[in-house]
Amino acid sequence: MAQRLERITQMVDAINKGRAPTVEDFCRIFEVRQRTVFEDLRMIREQLGLDIEYDRFRQGYVNRDPKKKLPVFDLNEGELFVLVLGRDMLAQYSGTVFEPYLRGALSKIEARLPDTVQVNLGDLQSMVKFQAAAIPSFDRQTFFDANKACEMSMPMEISYFSPHNNEVTERCIEPYKLLNHDGSWYIVGWCRLRNALRYFALHRIQNYKLLEQERFRVKEGLDIDKYLESAFKLEHGDGEQHIKIHFKPAAARYIRERKWHPSQKLSENEDGSCILEFVSQSLDEVKRWILYYGANAEVLEPASLREMLRKEFAEAVELYKD
């Protein structure tokens, strides 16, 4: 429906510019059949109330009453605020391959805003600021092709760089979903090389090929959403681990502000500290997160995670010895 409304809007714009476009013109521009164009013209006349007619002398369509325009729509402050948020969120993708597409889409929306909107866009925009994150760069065609592979259940052959092993491997994957995590895009899919579900960062795919003649089915009994929710942030690999962390009051004030995991349990202590418990699939990922809080966080369980942090802090102390 949204695509049809955009097409109708462009058709009316072309007619109002006095070019007397023909059905064939619209078929060529929008790559649709004549029947679709005639249905759109009927909608413009009967439902939108414009006096669009075929002019035999000019051999094209004209607007007999140019003062009549497409119906305006009203936006309340909340709706307009969302629009402005969308425009400011461009800062998150400034300089990336997606910026031209996002900017073009928002420009089209703003161009359709009616004169009846009373809220000042500039005033609203000044209330919001998005700080751009460090987003890895990659070729935009990689994203579009990966999305196509997910939609059409089409396998991909990829050359993938693993920073953990510092090596490039050739593998065939079955892409299920695209996931954005902390500004980076990942393919969630089945790896035929490892015979397991894996994440593949788009910026680490060096080469790829779509296997367009092949289709796959999601493995029986595999719940992708459940798999994604089971991770603390992103990583899997260690099996289900029960995590229990004591946060001193200075850190607890921040911990209790958010929900860190669907499985979490938060216990409050009289001294202002708290204990956070949750289930994670990766101890290494939790370790890196806890390091951010330094001496304000103590792992109570499991013992293996305590040992990992003890070694990490011991190595850090050696770095700062005089």
Protein backbone atom coordinates (compact mmCIF):
# COMPACT_ATOMS: atom_id res chain seq x y z
CA MET A 1 0.00 0.00 0.00
CA ALA A 2 2.81 2.43 0.87
CA GLN A 3 4.45 1.76 -2.49
CA ARG A 4 1.20 2.47 -4.33
CA LEU A 5 0.61 5.75 -2.48
CA GLU A 6 4.13 6.90 -3.33
CA ARG A 7 3.52 6.00 -6.98
CA ILE A 8 0.21 7.87 -7.04
CA THR A 9 1.82 10.93 -5.49
CA GLN A 10 4.50 10.96 -8.19
CA MET A 11 1.86 10.50 -10.90
CA VAL A 12 -0.09 13.52 -9.64
CA ASP A 13 3.13 15.57 -9.45
CA ALA A 14 3.93 14.72 -13.08
CA ILE A 15 0.42 15.63 -14.22
CA ASN A 16 0.38 18.91 -12.28
CA LYS A 17 3.64 19.96 -13.92
CA GLY A 18 1.74 20.13 -17.21
CA ARG A 19 3.67 17.45 -19.07
CA ALA A 20 0.51 15.51 -20.01
CA PRO A 21 2.06 12.11 -19.33
CA THR A 22 0.58 9.02 -20.96
CA VAL A 23 -0.23 5.57 -19.63
CA GLU A 24 2.83 4.30 -21.46
CA ASP A 25 4.95 6.93 -19.68
CA PHE A 26 3.75 5.72 -16.28
CA CYS A 27 4.30 2.07 -17.24
CA ARG A 28 7.88 2.86 -18.19
CA ILE A 29 8.64 5.02 -15.15
CA PHE A 30 7.16 2.69 -12.52
CA GLU A 31 7.68 -0.61 -14.36
CA VAL A 32 4.05 -1.64 -13.97
CA ARG A 33 1.34 -2.89 -16.32
CA GLN A 34 -1.28 -0.70 -18.01
CA ARG A 35 -3.97 -2.21 -15.81
CA THR A 36 -2.15 -0.98 -12.71
CA VAL A 37 -1.91 2.55 -14.12
CA PHE A 38 -5.64 2.65 -14.97
CA GLU A 39 -6.50 1.45 -11.44
CA ASP A 40 -4.29 4.19 -9.97
CA LEU A 41 -5.93 6.85 -12.16
CA ARG A 42 -9.37 5.68 -11.10
CA MET A 43 -8.33 5.91 -7.44
CA ILE A 44 -7.02 9.45 -8.02
CA ARG A 45 -10.37 10.51 -9.49
CA GLU A 46 -12.88 8.59 -7.38
CA GLN A 47 -11.24 8.34 -3.96
CA LEU A 48 -8.91 11.32 -3.88
CA GLY A 49 -11.26 13.68 -5.75
CA LEU A 50 -8.86 15.12 -8.34
CA ASP A 51 -10.18 16.14 -11.79
CA ILE A 52 -7.68 14.08 -13.76
CA GLU A 53 -8.75 13.50 -17.38
CA TYR A 54 -7.28 12.37 -20.66
CA ASP A 55 -6.73 15.32 -23.01
CA ARG A 56 -7.14 14.14 -26.61
CA PHE A 57 -5.51 17.27 -28.00
CA ARG A 58 -2.36 16.88 -25.87
CA GLN A 59 -2.64 13.08 -25.92
CA GLY A 60 -1.95 12.74 -22.21
CA TYR A 61 -3.45 13.24 -18.76
CA VAL A 62 -4.08 16.70 -17.30
CA ASN A 63 -5.58 18.17 -14.15
CA ARG A 64 -8.71 20.20 -15.07
CA ASP A 65 -8.65 21.89 -11.67
CA PRO A 66 -5.00 22.48 -10.63
CA LYS A 67 -6.17 24.13 -7.39
CA LYS A 68 -7.29 20.73 -6.17
CA LYS A 69 -4.47 18.85 -4.52
CA LEU A 70 -4.03 15.53 -2.79
CA PRO A 71 -5.69 15.44 0.64
CA VAL A 72 -3.41 16.64 3.42
CA PHE A 73 -2.83 14.65 6.56
CA ASP A 74 -2.45 16.01 10.05
CA LEU A 75 0.46 15.14 12.30
CA ASN A 76 0.28 15.63 16.04
CA GLU A 77 3.34 16.68 18.01
CA GLY A 78 4.20 13.10 18.95
CA GLU A 79 4.09 11.92 15.34
CA LEU A 80 6.15 14.84 14.14
CA PHE A 81 8.62 14.28 16.96
CA VAL A 82 9.13 10.70 15.70
CA LEU A 83 9.83 12.10 12.24
CA VAL A 84 12.44 14.45 13.65
CA LEU A 85 13.99 11.60 15.64
CA GLY A 86 14.35 9.69 12.40
CA ARG A 87 16.15 12.62 10.82
CA ASP A 88 18.50 13.07 13.75
CA MET A 89 19.22 9.35 13.91
CA LEU A 90 21.04 9.80 10.62
CA ALA A 91 23.97 10.77 12.81
CA GLN A 92 24.26 7.10 13.73
CA TYR A 93 24.92 6.25 10.09
CA SER A 94 26.67 9.42 8.96
CA GLY A 95 29.41 8.55 6.50
CA THR A 96 28.26 4.95 6.12
CA VAL A 97 26.87 3.20 3.06
CA PHE A 98 23.31 3.66 4.41
CA GLU A 99 23.34 7.44 4.79
CA PRO A 100 22.22 8.31 1.22
CA TYR A 101 19.29 5.90 1.44
CA LEU A 102 18.11 7.11 4.85
CA ARG A 103 18.51 10.76 3.93
CA GLY A 104 16.63 10.28 0.66
CA ALA A 105 13.74 8.47 2.36
CA LEU A 106 13.35 11.13 5.06
CA SER A 107 13.51 13.92 2.47
CA LYS A 108 10.60 12.32 0.60
CA ILE A 109 8.56 12.14 3.81
CA GLU A 110 9.26 15.76 4.73
CA ALA A 111 8.37 16.88 1.20
CA ARG A 112 4.87 15.43 1.70
CA LEU A 113 4.19 17.26 4.95
CA PRO A 114 1.11 19.51 4.71
CA ASP A 115 1.07 23.22 5.43
CA THR A 116 -1.30 22.59 8.34
CA VAL A 117 1.47 21.30 10.61
CA GLN A 118 1.93 23.90 13.33
CA VAL A 119 4.95 22.44 15.13
CA ASN A 120 8.29 24.01 14.29
CA LEU A 121 10.66 21.33 13.01
CA GLY A 122 13.70 23.36 13.93
CA ASP A 123 12.57 23.78 17.54
CA LEU A 124 11.91 20.08 17.90
CA GLN A 125 15.20 19.13 16.34
CA SER A 126 17.13 21.26 18.79
CA MET A 127 15.85 19.13 21.68
CA VAL A 128 17.40 15.92 20.40
CA LYS A 129 20.99 14.94 19.77
CA PHE A 130 22.35 11.56 18.70
CA GLN A 131 26.02 10.88 19.21
CA ALA A 132 27.34 8.88 16.27
CA ALA A 133 28.84 5.51 17.19
CA ALA A 134 31.91 3.87 15.69
CA ILE A 135 30.23 1.77 13.01
CA PRO A 136 32.32 -0.66 10.91
CA SER A 137 32.21 0.03 7.18
CA PHE A 138 31.25 -2.48 4.51
CA ASP A 139 29.94 -2.50 0.97
CA ARG A 140 26.21 -1.78 0.90
CA GLN A 141 25.65 -4.42 -1.76
CA THR A 142 26.77 -7.00 0.79
CA PHE A 143 23.88 -5.94 3.02
CA PHE A 144 21.31 -6.03 0.21
CA ASP A 145 22.49 -9.41 -1.04
CA ALA A 146 22.53 -10.84 2.49
CA ASN A 147 18.99 -9.59 3.02
CA LYS A 148 17.95 -11.20 -0.27
CA ALA A 149 19.54 -14.48 0.81
CA CYS A 150 17.60 -14.39 4.09
CA GLU A 151 14.29 -13.63 2.37
CA MET A 152 14.69 -16.28 -0.32
CA SER A 153 16.36 -18.99 1.83
CA MET A 154 19.36 -18.87 -0.48
CA PRO A 155 22.75 -20.22 0.70
CA MET A 156 25.91 -18.10 0.46
CA GLU A 157 29.51 -19.07 -0.03
CA ILE A 158 31.71 -16.65 1.90
CA SER A 159 35.36 -15.93 2.64
CA TYR A 160 35.25 -14.96 6.30
CA PHE A 161 37.92 -13.35 8.46
CA SER A 162 37.97 -14.40 12.12
CA PRO A 163 39.85 -11.94 14.36
CA HIS A 164 39.94 -14.55 17.12
CA ASN A 165 41.99 -16.95 14.99
CA ASN A 166 43.44 -14.28 12.70
CA GLU A 167 42.60 -16.36 9.65
CA VAL A 168 40.28 -16.42 6.64
CA THR A 169 38.14 -19.50 6.06
CA GLU A 170 35.96 -20.54 3.15
CA ARG A 171 32.53 -21.70 4.18
CA CYS A 172 28.94 -22.10 3.02
CA ILE A 173 26.21 -20.62 5.22
CA GLU A 174 22.41 -20.66 5.33
CA PRO A 175 21.38 -17.07 6.27
CA TYR A 176 18.33 -16.85 8.54
CA LYS A 177 18.25 -13.23 9.76
CA LEU A 178 20.14 -9.95 9.76
CA LEU A 179 20.91 -8.61 13.22
CA ASN A 180 22.14 -5.17 14.29
CA HIS A 181 24.12 -5.25 17.52
CA ASP A 182 25.92 -2.17 18.89
CA GLY A 183 25.99 -0.60 15.42
CA SER A 184 27.39 -3.67 13.63
CA TRP A 185 25.40 -5.86 11.24
CA TYR A 186 25.51 -9.65 11.48
CA ILE A 187 24.09 -12.58 9.55
CA VAL A 188 22.54 -15.15 11.87
CA GLY A 189 22.76 -18.43 10.00
CA TRP A 190 23.72 -22.08 9.86
CA CYS A 191 27.38 -22.73 9.11
CA ARG A 192 27.82 -25.90 7.07
CA LEU A 193 31.54 -25.94 7.90
CA ARG A 194 30.98 -25.98 11.69
CA ASN A 195 27.56 -27.66 11.46
CA ALA A 196 26.18 -25.13 13.95
CA LEU A 197 24.37 -21.81 14.23
CA ARG A 198 26.75 -18.85 14.01
CA TYR A 199 27.00 -15.07 13.67
CA PHE A 200 28.85 -13.56 10.72
CA ALA A 201 29.78 -9.86 10.83
CA LEU A 202 29.15 -8.27 7.43
CA HIS A 203 32.34 -6.19 7.66
CA ARG A 204 34.39 -9.39 8.03
CA ILE A 205 33.03 -11.02 4.88
CA GLN A 206 35.79 -10.50 2.31
CA ASN A 207 34.13 -12.21 -0.66
CA TYR A 208 30.82 -13.96 -1.19
CA LYS A 209 28.65 -15.67 -3.77
CA LEU A 210 24.88 -16.25 -3.71
CA LEU A 211 23.92 -19.80 -4.63
CA GLU A 212 20.85 -18.63 -6.55
CA GLN A 213 19.82 -22.07 -7.81
CA GLU A 214 19.71 -23.58 -4.31
CA ARG A 215 17.24 -23.22 -1.43
CA PHE A 216 17.44 -24.40 2.19
CA ARG A 217 15.05 -25.03 5.06
CA VAL A 218 15.59 -23.94 8.65
CA LYS A 219 16.81 -26.88 10.70
CA GLU A 220 13.96 -28.73 12.40
CA GLY A 221 13.43 -27.69 16.01
CA LEU A 222 15.68 -24.63 15.69
CA ASP A 223 14.15 -21.53 17.34
CA ILE A 224 16.16 -18.55 16.05
CA ASP A 225 14.55 -15.97 18.37
CA LYS A 226 15.15 -18.17 21.41
CA TYR A 227 18.76 -18.60 20.34
CA LEU A 228 19.23 -14.83 20.10
CA GLU A 229 17.61 -14.18 23.49
CA SER A 230 19.76 -16.81 25.24
CA ALA A 231 22.93 -14.74 24.77
CA PHE A 232 23.90 -12.06 27.28
CA LYS A 233 24.84 -9.77 24.44
CA LEU A 234 25.80 -11.71 21.32
CA GLU A 235 28.14 -14.61 21.95
CA HIS A 236 27.48 -18.32 22.49
CA GLY A 237 29.78 -21.25 23.04
CA ASP A 238 30.25 -22.04 26.75
CA GLY A 239 26.84 -23.59 27.33
CA GLU A 240 24.28 -22.23 29.79
CA GLN A 241 26.06 -20.60 32.74
CA HIS A 242 24.47 -19.12 35.87
CA ILE A 243 26.06 -15.72 36.54
CA LYS A 244 25.91 -14.01 39.94
CA ILE A 245 27.57 -10.61 40.46
CA HIS A 246 27.70 -8.28 43.47
CA PHE A 247 27.76 -4.57 42.57
CA LYS A 248 28.82 -1.95 45.10
CA PRO A 249 26.49 1.07 45.58
CA ALA A 250 28.45 3.23 43.11
CA ALA A 251 27.78 0.74 40.30
CA ALA A 252 24.44 -0.54 41.55
CA ARG A 253 22.83 2.81 40.79
CA TYR A 254 23.49 2.17 37.10
CA ILE A 255 22.81 -1.58 37.12
CA ARG A 256 19.28 -1.23 38.45
CA GLU A 257 18.40 1.26 35.69
CA ARG A 258 18.33 -1.37 32.95
CA LYS A 259 17.20 -4.86 32.16
CA TRP A 260 20.34 -6.66 31.09
CA HIS A 261 18.89 -10.04 30.17
CA PRO A 262 15.42 -11.69 30.01
CA SER A 263 16.49 -14.20 32.68
CA GLN A 264 17.86 -11.65 35.14
CA LYS A 265 17.03 -11.45 38.85
CA LEU A 266 18.01 -8.35 40.84
CA SER A 267 18.34 -8.42 44.64
CA GLU A 268 18.73 -5.24 46.69
CA ASN A 269 20.91 -4.92 49.79
CA GLU A 270 20.42 -2.51 52.69
CA ASP A 271 23.78 -0.80 52.06
CA GLY A 272 22.71 0.25 48.54
CA SER A 273 24.54 -2.52 46.74
CA CYS A 274 22.79 -5.14 44.64
CA ILE A 275 23.23 -8.65 43.29
CA LEU A 276 22.49 -9.36 39.64
CA GLU A 277 21.86 -12.91 38.44
CA PHE A 278 21.26 -14.13 34.90
CA VAL A 279 22.04 -16.93 32.49
CA SER A 280 24.72 -16.46 29.82
CA GLN A 281 26.11 -18.54 26.97
CA SER A 282 29.57 -16.91 27.00
CA LEU A 283 31.79 -16.29 30.02
CA ASP A 284 34.30 -14.32 27.99
CA GLU A 285 31.61 -11.83 26.92
CA VAL A 286 30.45 -11.36 30.53
CA LYS A 287 34.08 -10.96 31.64
CA ARG A 288 34.63 -8.05 29.24
CA TRP A 289 31.43 -6.40 30.48
CA ILE A 290 32.37 -6.75 34.17
CA LEU A 291 35.81 -5.25 33.56
CA TYR A 292 34.07 -1.96 32.78
CA TYR A 293 32.97 -1.70 36.43
CA GLY A 294 36.41 -2.49 37.85
CA ALA A 295 36.54 -2.81 41.64
CA ASN A 296 32.83 -1.99 41.93
CA ALA A 297 31.83 -5.46 40.71
CA GLU A 298 32.63 -8.88 42.19
CA VAL A 299 31.70 -12.16 40.53
CA LEU A 300 30.22 -14.59 43.04
CA GLU A 301 29.40 -17.38 40.56
CA PRO A 302 30.67 -19.30 38.68
CA ALA A 303 34.15 -20.01 40.06
CA SER A 304 35.57 -20.29 36.54
CA LEU A 305 34.55 -16.70 35.77
CA ARG A 306 36.10 -15.49 39.04
CA GLU A 307 39.36 -17.14 38.01
CA MET A 308 39.24 -15.53 34.55
CA LEU A 309 38.87 -12.08 36.13
CA ARG A 310 41.55 -12.76 38.74
CA LYS A 311 44.05 -13.50 35.96
CA GLU A 312 42.92 -10.48 33.94
CA PHE A 313 43.39 -8.09 36.87
CA ALA A 314 46.73 -9.67 37.80
CA GLU A 315 48.03 -9.08 34.28
CA ALA A 316 46.74 -5.50 34.38
CA VAL A 317 48.57 -4.85 37.66
CA GLU A 318 51.83 -6.04 36.09
CA LEU A 319 51.40 -3.45 33.32
CA TYR A 320 51.25 -0.59 35.82
CA LYS A 321 54.09 -1.60 38.14
CA ASP A 322 56.87 0.97 38.42
